[in-house]
């Protein structure tokens, strides 16, 4: 049986999608200069705070998941007799 090709099988399409996401992120960061932010804490008024906060949250989530994997992972034959 022949596998059907999807739009994501072409590396050129994946690169276009990735660049589209990067352009959208830059546009949102630029738009933040024109929006009045109503944060409750003084740190929320810094330009690009939410972008940095989101990135640091994502990176910390990756590191925490790697630590949890080491803690919770079982051997391959854990359920064998």
C-alpha atoms as a PDB file:
ATOM      1  CA  UNK A   1       0.000   0.000   0.000  1.00  0.00           C
ATOM      2  CA  UNK A   2       1.351   3.381  -0.967  1.00  0.00           C
ATOM      3  CA  UNK A   3       1.359   6.103   1.663  1.00  0.00           C
ATOM      4  CA  UNK A   4      -0.451   9.289   0.713  1.00  0.00           C
ATOM      5  CA  UNK A   5       1.677  12.390   0.809  1.00  0.00           C
ATOM      6  CA  UNK A   6       0.463  15.284   2.903  1.00  0.00           C
ATOM      7  CA  UNK A   7       1.286  18.955   2.748  1.00  0.00           C
ATOM      8  CA  UNK A   8       3.809  18.538   5.579  1.00  0.00           C
ATOM      9  CA  UNK A   9       5.865  15.890   3.768  1.00  0.00           C
ATOM     10  CA  UNK A  10       7.451  18.583   1.613  1.00  0.00           C
ATOM     11  CA  UNK A  11      10.231  20.384   3.589  1.00  0.00           C
ATOM     12  CA  UNK A  12       9.577  23.568   1.606  1.00  0.00           C
ATOM     13  CA  UNK A  13       5.991  23.716   2.955  1.00  0.00           C
ATOM     14  CA  UNK A  14       7.160  23.115   6.515  1.00  0.00           C
ATOM     15  CA  UNK A  15       9.673  25.956   6.173  1.00  0.00           C
ATOM     16  CA  UNK A  16       6.944  28.277   4.842  1.00  0.00           C
ATOM     17  CA  UNK A  17       4.690  27.438   7.770  1.00  0.00           C
ATOM     18  CA  UNK A  18       7.523  28.013  10.224  1.00  0.00           C
ATOM     19  CA  UNK A  19       8.337  31.394   8.675  1.00  0.00           C
ATOM     20  CA  UNK A  20       4.650  32.304   8.826  1.00  0.00           C
ATOM     21  CA  UNK A  21       4.625  31.625  12.556  1.00  0.00           C
ATOM     22  CA  UNK A  22       7.767  33.718  13.065  1.00  0.00           C
ATOM     23  CA  UNK A  23       6.273  36.621  11.103  1.00  0.00           C
ATOM     24  CA  UNK A  24       3.074  36.406  13.171  1.00  0.00           C
ATOM     25  CA  UNK A  25       5.088  36.456  16.392  1.00  0.00           C
ATOM     26  CA  UNK A  26       7.059  39.512  15.282  1.00  0.00           C
ATOM     27  CA  UNK A  27       3.849  41.305  14.262  1.00  0.00           C
ATOM     28  CA  UNK A  28       2.286  40.615  17.655  1.00  0.00           C
ATOM     29  CA  UNK A  29       5.413  41.914  19.374  1.00  0.00           C
ATOM     30  CA  UNK A  30       5.294  45.086  17.267  1.00  0.00           C
ATOM     31  CA  UNK A  31       1.560  45.507  17.960  1.00  0.00           C
ATOM     32  CA  UNK A  32       2.293  45.435  21.685  1.00  0.00           C
ATOM     33  CA  UNK A  33       3.852  48.912  21.340  1.00  0.00           C
ATOM     34  CA  UNK A  34       0.465  50.321  20.282  1.00  0.00           C
ATOM     35  CA  UNK A  35      -1.711  48.616  22.908  1.00  0.00           C
ATOM     36  CA  UNK A  36      -2.153  49.966  26.422  1.00  0.00           C
ATOM     37  CA  UNK A  37      -1.428  47.044  28.737  1.00  0.00           C
ATOM     38  CA  UNK A  38      -3.278  46.977  32.059  1.00  0.00           C
ATOM     39  CA  UNK A  39      -1.097  44.733  34.176  1.00  0.00           C
ATOM     40  CA  UNK A  40      -1.522  44.344  37.898  1.00  0.00           C
ATOM     41  CA  UNK A  41       2.210  44.174  38.602  1.00  0.00           C
ATOM     42  CA  UNK A  42       4.857  46.681  37.566  1.00  0.00           C
ATOM     43  CA  UNK A  43       6.899  44.031  35.742  1.00  0.00           C
ATOM     44  CA  UNK A  44       4.019  43.472  33.306  1.00  0.00           C
ATOM     45  CA  UNK A  45       4.497  46.959  31.837  1.00  0.00           C
ATOM     46  CA  UNK A  46       7.908  46.165  30.334  1.00  0.00           C
ATOM     47  CA  UNK A  47       7.901  45.894  26.556  1.00  0.00           C
ATOM     48  CA  UNK A  48       7.943  42.258  25.465  1.00  0.00           C
ATOM     49  CA  UNK A  49       7.286  40.912  28.956  1.00  0.00           C
ATOM     50  CA  UNK A  50       4.666  38.421  27.818  1.00  0.00           C
ATOM     51  CA  UNK A  51       6.884  37.112  25.015  1.00  0.00           C
ATOM     52  CA  UNK A  52       9.798  36.567  27.414  1.00  0.00           C
ATOM     53  CA  UNK A  53       7.518  35.109  30.085  1.00  0.00           C
ATOM     54  CA  UNK A  54       5.984  32.668  27.601  1.00  0.00           C
ATOM     55  CA  UNK A  55       9.381  31.599  26.277  1.00  0.00           C
ATOM     56  CA  UNK A  56      10.811  31.047  29.767  1.00  0.00           C
ATOM     57  CA  UNK A  57       7.693  29.122  30.790  1.00  0.00           C
ATOM     58  CA  UNK A  58       8.021  26.877  27.750  1.00  0.00           C
ATOM     59  CA  UNK A  59      11.726  26.211  28.347  1.00  0.00           C
ATOM     60  CA  UNK A  60      11.158  25.481  32.041  1.00  0.00           C
ATOM     61  CA  UNK A  61       8.352  23.081  31.118  1.00  0.00           C
ATOM     62  CA  UNK A  62      10.763  21.160  28.886  1.00  0.00           C
ATOM     63  CA  UNK A  63      13.396  20.898  31.622  1.00  0.00           C
ATOM     64  CA  UNK A  64      10.833  19.864  34.244  1.00  0.00           C
ATOM     65  CA  UNK A  65       9.477  17.172  31.929  1.00  0.00           C
ATOM     66  CA  UNK A  66      13.002  15.804  31.392  1.00  0.00           C
ATOM     67  CA  UNK A  67      13.500  15.599  35.155  1.00  0.00           C
ATOM     68  CA  UNK A  68      10.120  13.915  35.624  1.00  0.00           C
ATOM     69  CA  UNK A  69      10.972  11.384  32.932  1.00  0.00           C
ATOM     70  CA  UNK A  70      14.084  10.335  34.829  1.00  0.00           C
ATOM     71  CA  UNK A  71      12.080  10.095  38.027  1.00  0.00           C
ATOM     72  CA  UNK A  72       9.050   8.210  36.676  1.00  0.00           C
ATOM     73  CA  UNK A  73      10.466   6.102  33.833  1.00  0.00           C
ATOM     74  CA  UNK A  74      10.409   2.348  34.255  1.00  0.00           C
ATOM     75  CA  UNK A  75      12.492  -0.303  32.539  1.00  0.00           C
ATOM     76  CA  UNK A  76      11.337  -1.676  29.229  1.00  0.00           C
ATOM     77  CA  UNK A  77      10.384  -5.040  30.719  1.00  0.00           C
ATOM     78  CA  UNK A  78       8.607  -3.619  33.785  1.00  0.00           C
ATOM     79  CA  UNK A  79       5.333  -5.474  33.107  1.00  0.00           C
ATOM     80  CA  UNK A  80       6.897  -8.780  32.041  1.00  0.00           C
ATOM     81  CA  UNK A  81       6.901 -11.782  34.402  1.00  0.00           C
END
